[in-house]
Protein backbone atom coordinates (compact mmCIF):
# COMPACT_ATOMS: atom_id res chain seq x y z
CA MET A 1 -8.17 5.30 15.12
CA MET A 2 -5.20 3.82 13.32
CA THR A 3 -3.98 5.48 10.14
CA VAL A 4 -1.46 4.54 7.48
CA ARG A 5 1.06 6.71 9.38
CA ASP A 6 1.00 4.20 12.25
CA LEU A 7 2.21 1.42 9.94
CA ALA A 8 4.34 3.07 7.26
CA HIS A 9 6.08 6.07 5.80
CA ALA A 10 5.43 7.53 2.36
CA ARG A 11 7.00 9.56 -0.43
CA ALA A 12 5.32 11.20 -3.42
CA GLY A 13 6.60 12.16 -6.84
CA ASP A 14 4.98 14.20 -9.57
CA LYS A 15 4.62 12.58 -12.98
CA GLY A 16 2.78 15.21 -15.03
CA HIS A 17 -0.95 14.59 -14.76
CA SER A 18 -0.28 11.68 -12.42
CA VAL A 19 1.39 11.29 -9.08
CA ASN A 20 2.94 8.22 -7.58
CA VAL A 21 2.98 7.70 -3.84
CA SER A 22 5.17 4.99 -2.36
CA VAL A 23 4.07 3.54 0.97
CA VAL A 24 6.70 1.53 2.86
CA ALA A 25 5.60 -0.50 5.87
CA HIS A 26 7.66 -0.43 9.05
CA ASP A 27 7.40 -4.22 9.41
CA GLU A 28 5.84 -7.34 7.87
CA ALA A 29 2.70 -7.19 10.03
CA GLY A 30 2.12 -3.62 8.88
CA TYR A 31 2.59 -4.64 5.26
CA GLU A 32 0.04 -7.44 5.61
CA ARG A 33 -2.50 -5.07 7.14
CA LEU A 34 -1.93 -2.46 4.45
CA LEU A 35 -2.27 -5.19 1.83
CA ARG A 36 -5.76 -5.93 3.20
CA GLU A 37 -6.93 -2.41 4.00
CA LEU A 38 -5.12 0.20 1.90
CA THR A 39 -7.13 -0.50 -1.23
CA GLU A 40 -7.31 1.42 -4.48
CA ALA A 41 -10.87 2.45 -3.56
CA ARG A 42 -9.82 3.77 -0.15
CA VAL A 43 -6.96 5.79 -1.68
CA ALA A 44 -9.22 7.11 -4.45
CA ALA A 45 -11.72 8.31 -1.84
CA ALA A 46 -8.99 10.08 0.14
CA PHE A 47 -7.68 11.82 -3.01
CA ALA A 48 -11.08 12.56 -4.57
CA ALA A 49 -10.81 16.32 -4.00
CA LEU A 50 -7.44 16.41 -5.78
CA ALA A 51 -7.60 13.80 -8.53
CA ASP A 52 -10.19 12.21 -10.76
CA GLY A 53 -8.43 8.86 -10.88
CA PRO A 54 -8.20 6.03 -11.46
CA VAL A 55 -5.86 4.81 -8.73
CA ARG A 56 -3.67 1.79 -9.36
CA ARG A 57 -1.89 -0.11 -6.59
CA PHE A 58 1.30 -2.05 -7.19
CA PRO A 59 2.30 -4.26 -4.21
CA LEU A 60 6.02 -4.83 -3.75
CA PRO A 61 6.07 -7.67 -1.20
CA GLY A 62 9.84 -8.16 -1.31
CA LEU A 63 10.23 -4.57 -0.12
CA GLY A 64 7.20 -4.49 2.17
CA ALA A 65 5.94 -1.57 0.11
CA PHE A 66 3.34 -0.36 -2.38
CA ASN A 67 3.44 2.10 -5.22
CA PHE A 68 0.16 3.91 -5.87
CA VAL A 69 -0.30 5.72 -9.18
CA ILE A 70 -3.02 8.35 -8.97
CA GLU A 71 -4.13 9.56 -12.41
CA ARG A 72 -5.68 12.80 -13.61
CA VAL A 73 -4.40 15.05 -10.83
CA ARG A 74 -6.14 18.40 -11.06
CA GLY A 75 -3.95 21.32 -12.04
CA GLY A 76 -1.82 19.42 -14.53
CA GLY A 77 1.23 18.49 -12.49
CA VAL A 78 4.53 20.23 -11.93
CA THR A 79 4.85 21.80 -15.38
CA ALA A 80 1.33 23.24 -15.53
CA THR A 81 0.01 24.00 -12.06
CA GLY A 82 0.13 27.17 -10.04
CA ALA A 83 -0.36 25.22 -6.81
CA LEU A 84 1.85 26.07 -3.87
CA ASP A 85 3.12 22.48 -3.58
CA ILE A 86 3.88 22.06 -7.27
CA HIS A 87 5.78 18.79 -6.86
CA GLY A 88 3.02 17.12 -4.84
CA LYS A 89 5.18 16.33 -1.81
CA SER A 90 2.28 17.01 0.56
CA LEU A 91 0.38 14.18 -1.15
CA SER A 92 2.45 11.67 0.81
CA SER A 93 1.19 13.35 3.98
CA LEU A 94 -2.38 12.94 2.74
CA MET A 95 -1.74 9.22 2.12
CA LEU A 96 -0.50 8.83 5.70
CA THR A 97 -3.72 10.28 7.14
CA ILE A 98 -5.98 7.62 5.59
CA PRO A 99 -7.84 5.84 8.41
CA LEU A 100 -7.80 2.06 8.49
CA PRO A 101 -10.86 0.09 9.61
CA GLY A 102 -11.13 -2.51 12.31
CA ASN A 103 -8.59 -1.07 14.68
CA GLU A 104 -10.63 -0.64 17.80
CA PRO A 105 -8.65 -1.59 20.93
CA GLU A 106 -9.34 -5.05 22.28
CA GLY A 107 -10.53 -5.73 25.79
């Protein structure tokens, strides 16, 4: 099954009780597929154990990228959490594991 990792790379940054995750497609075809399939709802479902949301998606077509803002991250962010990954860098790895539908091999 295809995941976001097959089409893009990602980077996360802590913003207090929110986190932003940038997803940058490797090429235009990947961007178009992510535009269709990497929805706010799909990201919210993937992050449900870590954040209460909402999730907002900001497409950046000129860059072939997206910025996702995930609100109400549990633990309070970098200044309040005792979590091992206090800056949320592993959240970009979580974004990359999101499966994308409709990618069964043809033939």
